Amino acid sequence: FDALLESLDESPIPSAEGRPDVNLEIAINGVIQAMYTEGRWSALE
């Protein structure tokens, strides 16, 4: 996890057509969303 977020801060990765690449900000927001309930943990994995 630590290595992934460090890499996203340096080199964002493609997401979807017409949408921004996934950078550190988008990754953090996504992880925060998954933390609200264990029901989202499998999607986060």
Full PDB file with SEQRES, HELIX, SHEET, SSBOND, CRYST1, ORIGX, SCALE, CONECT and MASTER records, all heavy atoms in Angstrom:
SEQRES   1 A   45  PHE ASP ALA LEU LEU GLU SER LEU ASP GLU SER PRO ILE          
SEQRES   2 A   45  PRO SER ALA GLU GLY ARG PRO ASP VAL ASN LEU GLU ILE          
SEQRES   3 A   45  ALA ILE ASN GLY VAL ILE GLN ALA MET TYR THR GLU GLY          
SEQRES   4 A   45  ARG TRP SER ALA LEU GLU                                      
HELIX    1 AA1 ASP A    2  GLU A   10  1                                   9    
HELIX    2 AA2 LEU A   24  MET A   35  1                                  12    
HELIX    3 AA3 GLU A   38  ARG A   40  5                                   3    
HELIX    4 AA4 TRP A   41  LEU A   44  1                                   4    
CRYST1    1.000    1.000    1.000  90.00  90.00  90.00 P 1           1          
ORIGX1      1.000000  0.000000  0.000000        0.00000                         
ORIGX2      0.000000  1.000000  0.000000        0.00000                         
ORIGX3      0.000000  0.000000  1.000000        0.00000                         
SCALE1      1.000000  0.000000  0.000000        0.00000                         
SCALE2      0.000000  1.000000  0.000000        0.00000                         
SCALE3      0.000000  0.000000  1.000000        0.00000                         
ATOM      1  N   PHE A   1       0.841  -1.200   0.000  1.00  0.00           N  
ATOM      2  CA  PHE A   1       0.000   0.000   0.000  1.00  0.00           C  
ATOM      3  C   PHE A   1       0.872   1.245   0.000  1.00  0.00           C  
ATOM      4  O   PHE A   1       0.633   2.187  -0.786  1.00  0.00           O  
ATOM      5  CB  PHE A   1      -0.920  -0.008   1.219  1.00  0.00           C  
ATOM      6  CG  PHE A   1      -1.846   1.178   1.305  1.00  0.00           C  
ATOM      7  CD1 PHE A   1      -3.079   1.159   0.693  1.00  0.00           C  
ATOM      8  CD2 PHE A   1      -1.470   2.317   2.012  1.00  0.00           C  
ATOM      9  CE1 PHE A   1      -3.933   2.258   0.768  1.00  0.00           C  
ATOM     10  CE2 PHE A   1      -2.308   3.417   2.096  1.00  0.00           C  
ATOM     11  CZ  PHE A   1      -3.545   3.384   1.469  1.00  0.00           C  
ATOM     12  N   ASP A   2       1.853   1.288   0.880  1.00  0.00           N  
ATOM     13  CA  ASP A   2       2.726   2.459   0.952  1.00  0.00           C  
ATOM     14  C   ASP A   2       3.439   2.692  -0.376  1.00  0.00           C  
ATOM     15  O   ASP A   2       3.546   3.836  -0.852  1.00  0.00           O  
ATOM     16  CB  ASP A   2       3.750   2.276   2.066  1.00  0.00           C  
ATOM     17  CG  ASP A   2       3.113   2.214   3.451  1.00  0.00           C  
ATOM     18  OD1 ASP A   2       1.958   2.656   3.588  1.00  0.00           O  
ATOM     19  OD2 ASP A   2       3.767   1.709   4.375  1.00  0.00           O  
ATOM     20  N   ALA A   3       3.924   1.618  -0.988  1.00  0.00           N  
ATOM     21  CA  ALA A   3       4.630   1.754  -2.263  1.00  0.00           C  
ATOM     22  C   ALA A   3       3.693   2.232  -3.360  1.00  0.00           C  
ATOM     23  O   ALA A   3       4.069   3.056  -4.209  1.00  0.00           O  
ATOM     24  CB  ALA A   3       5.266   0.420  -2.645  1.00  0.00           C  
ATOM     25  N   LEU A   4       2.442   1.721  -3.351  1.00  0.00           N  
ATOM     26  CA  LEU A   4       1.481   2.111  -4.378  1.00  0.00           C  
ATOM     27  C   LEU A   4       1.166   3.592  -4.291  1.00  0.00           C  
ATOM     28  O   LEU A   4       1.198   4.311  -5.308  1.00  0.00           O  
ATOM     29  CB  LEU A   4       0.205   1.283  -4.232  1.00  0.00           C  
ATOM     30  CG  LEU A   4      -0.969   1.693  -5.133  1.00  0.00           C  
ATOM     31  CD1 LEU A   4      -0.595   1.544  -6.608  1.00  0.00           C  
ATOM     32  CD2 LEU A   4      -2.213   0.864  -4.817  1.00  0.00           C  
ATOM     33  N   LEU A   5       0.855   4.097  -3.093  1.00  0.00           N  
ATOM     34  CA  LEU A   5       0.491   5.504  -2.981  1.00  0.00           C  
ATOM     35  C   LEU A   5       1.668   6.416  -3.283  1.00  0.00           C  
ATOM     36  O   LEU A   5       1.493   7.488  -3.882  1.00  0.00           O  
ATOM     37  CB  LEU A   5      -0.095   5.794  -1.590  1.00  0.00           C  
ATOM     38  CG  LEU A   5      -1.634   5.734  -1.557  1.00  0.00           C  
ATOM     39  CD1 LEU A   5      -2.138   4.339  -1.877  1.00  0.00           C  
ATOM     40  CD2 LEU A   5      -2.192   6.245  -0.253  1.00  0.00           C  
ATOM     41  N   GLU A   6       2.875   5.983  -2.931  1.00  0.00           N  
ATOM     42  CA  GLU A   6       4.045   6.785  -3.288  1.00  0.00           C  
ATOM     43  C   GLU A   6       4.212   6.852  -4.801  1.00  0.00           C  
ATOM     44  O   GLU A   6       4.520   7.920  -5.360  1.00  0.00           O  
ATOM     45  CB  GLU A   6       5.293   6.186  -2.641  1.00  0.00           C  
ATOM     46  CG  GLU A   6       6.551   7.000  -2.903  1.00  0.00           C  
ATOM     47  CD  GLU A   6       7.781   6.423  -2.215  1.00  0.00           C  
ATOM     48  OE1 GLU A   6       7.631   5.439  -1.462  1.00  0.00           O  
ATOM     49  OE2 GLU A   6       8.888   6.950  -2.444  1.00  0.00           O  
ATOM     50  N   SER A   7       3.948   5.747  -5.468  1.00  0.00           N  
ATOM     51  CA  SER A   7       4.091   5.740  -6.927  1.00  0.00           C  
ATOM     52  C   SER A   7       3.011   6.585  -7.593  1.00  0.00           C  
ATOM     53  O   SER A   7       3.271   7.259  -8.599  1.00  0.00           O  
ATOM     54  CB  SER A   7       4.046   4.308  -7.457  1.00  0.00           C  
ATOM     55  OG  SER A   7       2.748   3.741  -7.335  1.00  0.00           O  
ATOM     56  N   LEU A   8       1.785   6.560  -7.031  1.00  0.00           N  
ATOM     57  CA  LEU A   8       0.702   7.359  -7.615  1.00  0.00           C  
ATOM     58  C   LEU A   8       0.963   8.844  -7.449  1.00  0.00           C  
ATOM     59  O   LEU A   8       0.512   9.661  -8.267  1.00  0.00           O  
ATOM     60  CB  LEU A   8      -0.636   6.983  -6.966  1.00  0.00           C  
ATOM     61  CG  LEU A   8      -1.158   5.575  -7.267  1.00  0.00           C  
ATOM     62  CD1 LEU A   8      -2.437   5.293  -6.482  1.00  0.00           C  
ATOM     63  CD2 LEU A   8      -1.409   5.402  -8.764  1.00  0.00           C  
ATOM     64  N   ASP A   9       1.663   9.218  -6.388  1.00  0.00           N  
ATOM     65  CA  ASP A   9       2.008  10.624  -6.196  1.00  0.00           C  
ATOM     66  C   ASP A   9       2.985  11.078  -7.280  1.00  0.00           C  
ATOM     67  O   ASP A   9       2.940  12.227  -7.736  1.00  0.00           O  
ATOM     68  CB  ASP A   9       2.616  10.814  -4.810  1.00  0.00           C  
ATOM     69  CG  ASP A   9       2.716  12.277  -4.413  1.00  0.00           C  
ATOM     70  OD1 ASP A   9       1.959  13.099  -4.974  1.00  0.00           O  
ATOM     71  OD2 ASP A   9       3.531  12.605  -3.538  1.00  0.00           O  
ATOM     72  N   GLU A  10       3.850  10.170  -7.708  1.00  0.00           N  
ATOM     73  CA  GLU A  10       4.851  10.509  -8.716  1.00  0.00           C  
ATOM     74  C   GLU A  10       4.341  10.277 -10.130  1.00  0.00           C  
ATOM     75  O   GLU A  10       4.597  11.084 -11.038  1.00  0.00           O  
ATOM     76  CB  GLU A  10       6.117   9.671  -8.485  1.00  0.00           C  
ATOM     77  CG  GLU A  10       6.813   9.945  -7.173  1.00  0.00           C  
ATOM     78  CD  GLU A  10       7.364  11.352  -7.081  1.00  0.00           C  
ATOM     79  OE1 GLU A  10       7.734  11.907  -8.137  1.00  0.00           O  
ATOM     80  OE2 GLU A  10       7.413  11.902  -5.968  1.00  0.00           O  
ATOM     81  N   SER A  11       3.583   9.164 -10.322  1.00  0.00           N  
ATOM     82  CA  SER A  11       3.175   8.773 -11.679  1.00  0.00           C  
ATOM     83  C   SER A  11       1.727   8.263 -11.657  1.00  0.00           C  
ATOM     84  O   SER A  11       1.489   7.066 -11.439  1.00  0.00           O  
ATOM     85  CB  SER A  11       4.102   7.681 -12.225  1.00  0.00           C  
ATOM     86  OG  SER A  11       5.446   8.098 -12.238  1.00  0.00           O  
ATOM     87  N   PRO A  12       0.744   9.132 -11.856  1.00  0.00           N  
ATOM     88  CA  PRO A  12      -0.654   8.694 -11.898  1.00  0.00           C  
ATOM     89  C   PRO A  12      -0.878   7.658 -12.990  1.00  0.00           C  
ATOM     90  O   PRO A  12      -0.130   7.591 -13.976  1.00  0.00           O  
ATOM     91  CB  PRO A  12      -1.417   9.996 -12.186  1.00  0.00           C  
ATOM     92  CG  PRO A  12      -0.502  11.081 -11.682  1.00  0.00           C  
ATOM     93  CD  PRO A  12       0.891  10.583 -11.974  1.00  0.00           C  
ATOM     94  N   ILE A  13      -1.929   6.845 -12.803  1.00  0.00           N  
ATOM     95  CA  ILE A  13      -2.220   5.763 -13.758  1.00  0.00           C  
ATOM     96  C   ILE A  13      -3.558   6.018 -14.437  1.00  0.00           C  
ATOM     97  O   ILE A  13      -4.413   6.727 -13.905  1.00  0.00           O  
ATOM     98  CB  ILE A  13      -2.248   4.393 -13.046  1.00  0.00           C  
ATOM     99  CG1 ILE A  13      -3.310   4.387 -11.943  1.00  0.00           C  
ATOM    100  CG2 ILE A  13      -0.878   4.052 -12.487  1.00  0.00           C  
ATOM    101  CD1 ILE A  13      -3.478   3.039 -11.261  1.00  0.00           C  
ATOM    102  N   PRO A  14      -3.769   5.456 -15.627  1.00  0.00           N  
ATOM    103  CA  PRO A  14      -5.041   5.683 -16.347  1.00  0.00           C  
ATOM    104  C   PRO A  14      -6.239   5.158 -15.565  1.00  0.00           C  
ATOM    105  O   PRO A  14      -6.147   4.196 -14.789  1.00  0.00           O  
ATOM    106  CB  PRO A  14      -4.840   4.897 -17.648  1.00  0.00           C  
ATOM    107  CG  PRO A  14      -3.365   4.719 -17.785  1.00  0.00           C  
ATOM    108  CD  PRO A  14      -2.825   4.625 -16.393  1.00  0.00           C  
ATOM    109  N   SER A  15      -7.394   5.818 -15.798  1.00  0.00           N  
ATOM    110  CA  SER A  15      -8.626   5.402 -15.110  1.00  0.00           C  
ATOM    111  C   SER A  15      -9.701   5.029 -16.121  1.00  0.00           C  
ATOM    112  O   SER A  15      -9.939   3.868 -16.401  1.00  0.00           O  
ATOM    113  CB  SER A  15      -9.115   6.510 -14.180  1.00  0.00           C  
ATOM    114  OG  SER A  15      -9.385   7.701 -14.912  1.00  0.00           O  
ATOM    115  N   ALA A  16     -10.365   6.017 -16.685  1.00  0.00           N  
ATOM    116  CA  ALA A  16     -11.435   5.778 -17.647  1.00  0.00           C  
ATOM    117  C   ALA A  16     -11.395   6.887 -18.692  1.00  0.00           C  
ATOM    118  O   ALA A  16     -10.890   7.988 -18.441  1.00  0.00           O  
ATOM    119  CB  ALA A  16     -12.784   5.756 -16.941  1.00  0.00           C  
ATOM    120  N   GLU A  17     -11.952   6.598 -19.856  1.00  0.00           N  
ATOM    121  CA  GLU A  17     -11.929   7.570 -20.953  1.00  0.00           C  
ATOM    122  C   GLU A  17     -12.621   8.864 -20.529  1.00  0.00           C  
ATOM    123  O   GLU A  17     -13.724   8.854 -19.996  1.00  0.00           O  
ATOM    124  CB  GLU A  17     -12.625   6.988 -22.176  1.00  0.00           C  
ATOM    125  CG  GLU A  17     -12.566   7.893 -23.399  1.00  0.00           C  
ATOM    126  CD  GLU A  17     -13.214   7.281 -24.625  1.00  0.00           C  
ATOM    127  OE1 GLU A  17     -13.633   6.097 -24.530  1.00  0.00           O  
ATOM    128  OE2 GLU A  17     -13.311   7.981 -25.655  1.00  0.00           O  
ATOM    129  N   GLY A  18     -11.943   9.970 -20.754  1.00  0.00           N  
ATOM    130  CA  GLY A  18     -12.506  11.265 -20.437  1.00  0.00           C  
ATOM    131  C   GLY A  18     -12.388  11.663 -18.978  1.00  0.00           C  
ATOM    132  O   GLY A  18     -12.834  12.742 -18.591  1.00  0.00           O  
ATOM    133  N   ARG A  19     -11.769  10.817 -18.173  1.00  0.00           N  
ATOM    134  CA  ARG A  19     -11.618  11.105 -16.743  1.00  0.00           C  
ATOM    135  C   ARG A  19     -10.140  11.255 -16.401  1.00  0.00           C  
ATOM    136  O   ARG A  19      -9.270  10.781 -17.113  1.00  0.00           O  
ATOM    137  CB  ARG A  19     -12.236   9.992 -15.892  1.00  0.00           C  
ATOM    138  CG  ARG A  19     -13.715   9.720 -16.143  1.00  0.00           C  
ATOM    139  CD  ARG A  19     -14.599  10.916 -15.770  1.00  0.00           C  
ATOM    140  NE  ARG A  19     -14.355  11.386 -14.427  1.00  0.00           N  
ATOM    141  CZ  ARG A  19     -14.797  10.776 -13.305  1.00  0.00           C  
ATOM    142  NH1 ARG A  19     -15.479   9.637 -13.397  1.00  0.00           N  
ATOM    143  NH2 ARG A  19     -14.558  11.299 -12.117  1.00  0.00           N  
ATOM    144  N   PRO A  20      -9.840  11.904 -15.283  1.00  0.00           N  
ATOM    145  CA  PRO A  20      -8.431  12.128 -14.951  1.00  0.00           C  
ATOM    146  C   PRO A  20      -7.722  10.832 -14.564  1.00  0.00           C  
ATOM    147  O   PRO A  20      -8.360   9.851 -14.152  1.00  0.00           O  
ATOM    148  CB  PRO A  20      -8.510  13.085 -13.752  1.00  0.00           C  
ATOM    149  CG  PRO A  20      -9.833  12.799 -13.137  1.00  0.00           C  
ATOM    150  CD  PRO A  20     -10.755  12.494 -14.293  1.00  0.00           C  
ATOM    151  N   ASP A  21      -6.418  10.823 -14.728  1.00  0.00           N  
ATOM    152  CA  ASP A  21      -5.638   9.704 -14.221  1.00  0.00           C  
ATOM    153  C   ASP A  21      -5.761   9.639 -12.698  1.00  0.00           C  
ATOM    154  O   ASP A  21      -5.996  10.656 -12.035  1.00  0.00           O  
ATOM    155  CB  ASP A  21      -4.166   9.857 -14.609  1.00  0.00           C  
ATOM    156  CG  ASP A  21      -3.938   9.670 -16.103  1.00  0.00           C  
ATOM    157  OD1 ASP A  21      -4.842   9.150 -16.788  1.00  0.00           O  
ATOM    158  OD2 ASP A  21      -2.852  10.073 -16.586  1.00  0.00           O  
ATOM    159  N   VAL A  22      -5.582   8.457 -12.169  1.00  0.00           N  
ATOM    160  CA  VAL A  22      -5.659   8.272 -10.714  1.00  0.00           C  
ATOM    161  C   VAL A  22      -4.337   8.700 -10.094  1.00  0.00           C  
ATOM    162  O   VAL A  22      -3.306   8.057 -10.288  1.00  0.00           O  
ATOM    163  CB  VAL A  22      -5.993   6.811 -10.357  1.00  0.00           C  
ATOM    164  CG1 VAL A  22      -5.878   6.582  -8.856  1.00  0.00           C  
ATOM    165  CG2 VAL A  22      -7.398   6.461 -10.831  1.00  0.00           C  
ATOM    166  N   ASN A  23      -4.403   9.796  -9.350  1.00  0.00           N  
ATOM    167  CA  ASN A  23      -3.241  10.309  -8.645  1.00  0.00           C  
ATOM    168  C   ASN A  23      -3.403  10.039  -7.154  1.00  0.00           C  
ATOM    169  O   ASN A  23      -4.308   9.325  -6.725  1.00  0.00           O  
ATOM    170  CB  ASN A  23      -3.058  11.804  -8.937  1.00  0.00           C  
ATOM    171  CG  ASN A  23      -4.273  12.622  -8.513  1.00  0.00           C  
ATOM    172  OD1 ASN A  23      -5.208  12.102  -7.897  1.00  0.00           O  
ATOM    173  ND2 ASN A  23      -4.278  13.898  -8.848  1.00  0.00           N  
ATOM    174  N   LEU A  24      -2.548  10.624  -6.340  1.00  0.00           N  
ATOM    175  CA  LEU A  24      -2.615  10.393  -4.897  1.00  0.00           C  
ATOM    176  C   LEU A  24      -3.925  10.910  -4.311  1.00  0.00           C  
ATOM    177  O   LEU A  24      -4.533  10.262  -3.444  1.00  0.00           O  
ATOM    178  CB  LEU A  24      -1.422  11.070  -4.211  1.00  0.00           C  
ATOM    179  CG  LEU A  24      -1.324  10.893  -2.696  1.00  0.00           C  
ATOM    180  CD1 LEU A  24      -1.216   9.433  -2.317  1.00  0.00           C  
ATOM    181  CD2 LEU A  24      -0.144  11.692  -2.136  1.00  0.00           C  
ATOM    182  N   GLU A  25      -4.400  12.074  -4.770  1.00  0.00           N  
ATOM    183  CA  GLU A  25      -5.636  12.644  -4.243  1.00  0.00           C  
ATOM    184  C   GLU A  25      -6.825  11.716  -4.485  1.00  0.00           C  
ATOM    185  O   GLU A  25      -7.621  11.443  -3.578  1.00  0.00           O  
ATOM    186  CB  GLU A  25      -5.902  14.013  -4.887  1.00  0.00           C  
ATOM    187  CG  GLU A  25      -7.176  14.676  -4.374  1.00  0.00           C  
ATOM    188  CD  GLU A  25      -7.432  16.021  -5.021  1.00  0.00           C  
ATOM    189  OE1 GLU A  25      -7.067  16.200  -6.208  1.00  0.00           O  
ATOM    190  OE2 GLU A  25      -7.991  16.892  -4.344  1.00  0.00           O  
ATOM    191  N   ILE A  26      -6.973  11.219  -5.703  1.00  0.00           N  
ATOM    192  CA  ILE A  26      -8.084  10.327  -6.029  1.00  0.00           C  
ATOM    193  C   ILE A  26      -7.969   9.030  -5.244  1.00  0.00           C  
ATOM    194  O   ILE A  26      -8.973   8.502  -4.728  1.00  0.00           O  
ATOM    195  CB  ILE A  26      -8.140  10.070  -7.537  1.00  0.00           C  
ATOM    196  CG1 ILE A  26      -8.579  11.343  -8.281  1.00  0.00           C  
ATOM    197  CG2 ILE A  26      -9.070   8.907  -7.876  1.00  0.00           C  
ATOM    198  CD1 ILE A  26      -8.557  11.225  -9.794  1.00  0.00           C  
ATOM    199  N   ALA A  27      -6.767   8.507  -5.128  1.00  0.00           N  
ATOM    200  CA  ALA A  27      -6.577   7.263  -4.373  1.00  0.00           C  
ATOM    201  C   ALA A  27      -6.981   7.444  -2.914  1.00  0.00           C  
ATOM    202  O   ALA A  27      -7.676   6.590  -2.333  1.00  0.00           O  
ATOM    203  CB  ALA A  27      -5.121   6.814  -4.474  1.00  0.00           C  
ATOM    204  N   ILE A  28      -6.576   8.545  -2.288  1.00  0.00           N  
ATOM    205  CA  ILE A  28      -6.929   8.802  -0.886  1.00  0.00           C  
ATOM    206  C   ILE A  28      -8.440   8.896  -0.724  1.00  0.00           C  
ATOM    207  O   ILE A  28      -9.024   8.301   0.200  1.00  0.00           O  
ATOM    208  CB  ILE A  28      -6.240  10.090  -0.396  1.00  0.00           C  
ATOM    209  CG1 ILE A  28      -4.743   9.853  -0.223  1.00  0.00           C  
ATOM    210  CG2 ILE A  28      -6.866  10.585   0.899  1.00  0.00           C  
ATOM    211  CD1 ILE A  28      -3.961  11.115   0.071  1.00  0.00           C  
ATOM    212  N   ASN A  29      -9.092   9.636  -1.607  1.00  0.00           N  
ATOM    213  CA  ASN A  29     -10.552   9.757  -1.520  1.00  0.00           C  
ATOM    214  C   ASN A  29     -11.224   8.389  -1.638  1.00  0.00           C  
ATOM    215  O   ASN A  29     -12.189   8.090  -0.931  1.00  0.00           O  
ATOM    216  CB  ASN A  29     -11.071  10.686  -2.614  1.00  0.00           C  
ATOM    217  CG  ASN A  29     -10.627  12.121  -2.427  1.00  0.00           C  
ATOM    218  OD1 ASN A  29     -10.309  12.547  -1.313  1.00  0.00           O  
ATOM    219  ND2 ASN A  29     -10.589  12.876  -3.512  1.00  0.00           N  
ATOM    220  N   GLY A  30     -10.740   7.557  -2.545  1.00  0.00           N  
ATOM    221  CA  GLY A  30     -11.314   6.235  -2.724  1.00  0.00           C  
ATOM    222  C   GLY A  30     -11.139   5.361  -1.501  1.00  0.00           C  
ATOM    223  O   GLY A  30     -12.063   4.644  -1.094  1.00  0.00           O  
ATOM    224  N   VAL A  31      -9.958   5.401  -0.893  1.00  0.00           N  
ATOM    225  CA  VAL A  31      -9.715   4.595   0.303  1.00  0.00           C  
ATOM    226  C   VAL A  31     -10.587   5.094   1.457  1.00  0.00           C  
ATOM    227  O   VAL A  31     -11.156   4.299   2.199  1.00  0.00           O  
ATOM    228  CB  VAL A  31      -8.219   4.623   0.676  1.00  0.00           C  
ATOM    229  CG1 VAL A  31      -7.986   3.875   1.994  1.00  0.00           C  
ATOM    230  CG2 VAL A  31      -7.382   3.999  -0.431  1.00  0.00           C  
ATOM    231  N   ILE A  32     -10.697   6.406   1.622  1.00  0.00           N  
ATOM    232  CA  ILE A  32     -11.559   6.955   2.673  1.00  0.00           C  
ATOM    233  C   ILE A  32     -12.996   6.465   2.501  1.00  0.00           C  
ATOM    234  O   ILE A  32     -13.652   6.059   3.467  1.00  0.00           O  
ATOM    235  CB  ILE A  32     -11.500   8.495   2.664  1.00  0.00           C  
ATOM    236  CG1 ILE A  32     -10.165   8.975   3.230  1.00  0.00           C  
ATOM    237  CG2 ILE A  32     -12.657   9.096   3.458  1.00  0.00           C  
ATOM    238  CD1 ILE A  32      -9.962  10.471   3.142  1.00  0.00           C  
ATOM    239  N   GLN A  33     -13.484   6.476   1.267  1.00  0.00           N  
ATOM    240  CA  GLN A  33     -14.849   6.006   1.008  1.00  0.00           C  
ATOM    241  C   GLN A  33     -15.023   4.564   1.469  1.00  0.00           C  
ATOM    242  O   GLN A  33     -16.048   4.194   2.047  1.00  0.00           O  
ATOM    243  CB  GLN A  33     -15.157   6.143  -0.482  1.00  0.00           C  
ATOM    244  CG  GLN A  33     -16.461   5.507  -0.945  1.00  0.00           C  
ATOM    245  CD  GLN A  33     -17.700   6.268  -0.482  1.00  0.00           C  
ATOM    246  OE1 GLN A  33     -17.625   7.141   0.385  1.00  0.00           O  
ATOM    247  NE2 GLN A  33     -18.847   5.943  -1.048  1.00  0.00           N  
ATOM    248  N   ALA A  34     -14.009   3.728   1.249  1.00  0.00           N  
ATOM    249  CA  ALA A  34     -14.111   2.314   1.606  1.00  0.00           C  
ATOM    250  C   ALA A  34     -14.008   2.085   3.104  1.00  0.00           C  
ATOM    251  O   ALA A  34     -14.424   1.031   3.601  1.00  0.00           O  
ATOM    252  CB  ALA A  34     -13.021   1.519   0.890  1.00  0.00           C  
ATOM    253  N   MET A  35     -13.483   3.045   3.858  1.00  0.00           N  
ATOM    254  CA  MET A  35     -13.286   2.852   5.293  1.00  0.00           C  
ATOM    255  C   MET A  35     -14.570   3.000   6.102  1.00  0.00           C  
ATOM    256  O   MET A  35     -14.630   2.593   7.260  1.00  0.00           O  
ATOM    257  CB  MET A  35     -12.255   3.851   5.819  1.00  0.00           C  
ATOM    258  CG  MET A  35     -10.825   3.594   5.322  1.00  0.00           C  
ATOM    259  SD  MET A  35     -10.164   1.981   5.823  1.00  0.00           S  
ATOM    260  CE  MET A  35     -10.445   1.013   4.332  1.00  0.00           C  
ATOM    261  N   TYR A  36     -15.632   3.561   5.522  1.00  0.00           N  
ATOM    262  CA  TYR A  36     -16.857   3.810   6.295  1.00  0.00           C  
ATOM    263  C   TYR A  36     -17.528   2.524   6.753  1.00  0.00           C  
ATOM    264  O   TYR A  36     -18.245   2.515   7.751  1.00  0.00           O  
ATOM    265  CB  TYR A  36     -17.836   4.661   5.486  1.00  0.00           C  
ATOM    266  CG  TYR A  36     -17.493   6.129   5.496  1.00  0.00           C  
ATOM    267  CD1 TYR A  36     -16.764   6.700   4.460  1.00  0.00           C  
ATOM    268  CD2 TYR A  36     -17.878   6.945   6.545  1.00  0.00           C  
ATOM    269  CE1 TYR A  36     -16.432   8.039   4.471  1.00  0.00           C  
ATOM    270  CE2 TYR A  36     -17.560   8.292   6.565  1.00  0.00           C  
ATOM    271  CZ  TYR A  36     -16.836   8.835   5.529  1.00  0.00           C  
ATOM    272  OH  TYR A  36     -16.505  10.164   5.551  1.00  0.00           O  
ATOM    273  N   THR A  37     -17.347   1.431   6.026  1.00  0.00           N  
ATOM    274  CA  THR A  37     -17.972   0.176   6.404  1.00  0.00           C  
ATOM    275  C   THR A  37     -17.174  -0.983   5.827  1.00  0.00           C  
ATOM    276  O   THR A  37     -16.624  -0.883   4.714  1.00  0.00           O  
ATOM    277  CB  THR A  37     -19.429   0.089   5.921  1.00  0.00           C  
ATOM    278  OG1 THR A  37     -19.933  -1.239   6.148  1.00  0.00           O  
ATOM    279  CG2 THR A  37     -19.560   0.409   4.448  1.00  0.00           C  
ATOM    280  N   GLU A  38     -17.109  -2.089   6.569  1.00  0.00           N  
ATOM    281  CA  GLU A  38     -16.412  -3.280   6.088  1.00  0.00           C  
ATOM    282  C   GLU A  38     -17.016  -3.813   4.794  1.00  0.00           C  
ATOM    283  O   GLU A  38     -16.344  -4.548   4.049  1.00  0.00           O  
ATOM    284  CB  GLU A  38     -16.457  -4.374   7.151  1.00  0.00           C  
ATOM    285  CG  GLU A  38     -15.442  -4.207   8.258  1.00  0.00           C  
ATOM    286  CD  GLU A  38     -15.439  -5.407   9.194  1.00  0.00           C  
ATOM    287  OE1 GLU A  38     -16.383  -5.508  10.005  1.00  0.00           O  
ATOM    288  OE2 GLU A  38     -14.506  -6.233   9.107  1.00  0.00           O  
ATOM    289  N   GLY A  39     -18.259  -3.469   4.512  1.00  0.00           N  
ATOM    290  CA  GLY A  39     -18.901  -3.943   3.296  1.00  0.00           C  
ATOM    291  C   GLY A  39     -18.205  -3.501   2.027  1.00  0.00           C  
ATOM    292  O   GLY A  39     -18.422  -4.097   0.957  1.00  0.00           O  
ATOM    293  N   ARG A  40     -17.362  -2.472   2.109  1.00  0.00           N  
ATOM    294  CA  ARG A  40     -16.648  -1.980   0.918  1.00  0.00           C  
ATOM    295  C   ARG A  40     -15.218  -2.499   0.850  1.00  0.00           C  
ATOM    296  O   ARG A  40     -14.485  -2.176  -0.083  1.00  0.00           O  
ATOM    297  CB  ARG A  40     -16.640  -0.443   0.910  1.00  0.00           C  
ATOM    298  CG  ARG A  40     -18.031   0.179   0.841  1.00  0.00           C  
ATOM    299  CD  ARG A  40     -17.961   1.668   0.575  1.00  0.00           C  
ATOM    300  NE  ARG A  40     -19.292   2.255   0.599  1.00  0.00           N  
ATOM    301  CZ  ARG A  40     -19.695   3.191   1.450  1.00  0.00           C  
ATOM    302  NH1 ARG A  40     -18.845   3.671   2.327  1.00  0.00           N  
ATOM    303  NH2 ARG A  40     -20.923   3.658   1.419  1.00  0.00           N  
ATOM    304  N   TRP A  41     -14.785  -3.286   1.837  1.00  0.00           N  
ATOM    305  CA  TRP A  41     -13.383  -3.676   1.867  1.00  0.00           C  
ATOM    306  C   TRP A  41     -13.014  -4.610   0.718  1.00  0.00           C  
ATOM    307  O   TRP A  41     -11.904  -4.536   0.192  1.00  0.00           O  
ATOM    308  CB  TRP A  41     -13.054  -4.330   3.207  1.00  0.00           C  
ATOM    309  CG  TRP A  41     -12.993  -3.321   4.332  1.00  0.00           C  
ATOM    310  CD1 TRP A  41     -13.376  -2.016   4.279  1.00  0.00           C  
ATOM    311  CD2 TRP A  41     -12.516  -3.546   5.656  1.00  0.00           C  
ATOM    312  NE1 TRP A  41     -13.180  -1.404   5.490  1.00  0.00           N  
ATOM    313  CE2 TRP A  41     -12.653  -2.324   6.359  1.00  0.00           C  
ATOM    314  CE3 TRP A  41     -12.000  -4.651   6.324  1.00  0.00           C  
ATOM    315  CZ2 TRP A  41     -12.276  -2.192   7.702  1.00  0.00           C  
ATOM    316  CZ3 TRP A  41     -11.623  -4.512   7.650  1.00  0.00           C  
ATOM    317  CH2 TRP A  41     -11.754  -3.311   8.330  1.00  0.00           C  
ATOM    318  N   SER A  42     -13.912  -5.490   0.317  1.00  0.00           N  
ATOM    319  CA  SER A  42     -13.587  -6.391  -0.788  1.00  0.00           C  
ATOM    320  C   SER A  42     -13.394  -5.605  -2.088  1.00  0.00           C  
ATOM    321  O   SER A  42     -12.505  -5.925  -2.893  1.00  0.00           O  
ATOM    322  CB  SER A  42     -14.670  -7.456  -0.952  1.00  0.00           C  
ATOM    323  OG  SER A  42     -15.935  -6.866  -1.212  1.00  0.00           O  
ATOM    324  N   ALA A  43     -14.218  -4.567  -2.286  1.00  0.00           N  
ATOM    325  CA  ALA A  43     -14.040  -3.724  -3.473  1.00  0.00           C  
ATOM    326  C   ALA A  43     -12.712  -2.987  -3.420  1.00  0.00           C  
ATOM    327  O   ALA A  43     -12.035  -2.813  -4.448  1.00  0.00           O  
ATOM    328  CB  ALA A  43     -15.195  -2.733  -3.588  1.00  0.00           C  
ATOM    329  N   LEU A  44     -12.313  -2.567  -2.224  1.00  0.00           N  
ATOM    330  CA  LEU A  44     -11.035  -1.865  -2.097  1.00  0.00           C  
ATOM    331  C   LEU A  44      -9.867  -2.806  -2.371  1.00  0.00           C  
ATOM    332  O   LEU A  44      -8.887  -2.404  -3.016  1.00  0.00           O  
ATOM    333  CB  LEU A  44     -10.908  -1.263  -0.697  1.00  0.00           C  
ATOM    334  CG  LEU A  44      -9.600  -0.519  -0.417  1.00  0.00           C  
ATOM    335  CD1 LEU A  44      -9.418   0.647  -1.382  1.00  0.00           C  
ATOM    336  CD2 LEU A  44      -9.548  -0.029   1.031  1.00  0.00           C  
ATOM    337  N   GLU A  45      -9.956  -4.062  -1.903  1.00  0.00           N  
ATOM    338  CA  GLU A  45      -8.893  -5.032  -2.197  1.00  0.00           C  
ATOM    339  C   GLU A  45      -8.637  -5.118  -3.702  1.00  0.00           C  
ATOM    340  O   GLU A  45      -7.495  -5.047  -4.169  1.00  0.00           O  
ATOM    341  CB  GLU A  45      -9.288  -6.421  -1.695  1.00  0.00           C  
ATOM    342  CG  GLU A  45      -9.410  -6.590  -0.209  1.00  0.00           C  
ATOM    343  CD  GLU A  45      -9.977  -7.959   0.133  1.00  0.00           C  
ATOM    344  OE1 GLU A  45     -10.008  -8.828  -0.785  1.00  0.00           O  
ATOM    345  OE2 GLU A  45     -10.397  -8.177   1.275  1.00  0.00           O  
TER     346      GLU A  45                                                      
MASTER        0    0    0    4    0    0    0    6  345    1    0    4          
END                                                                             
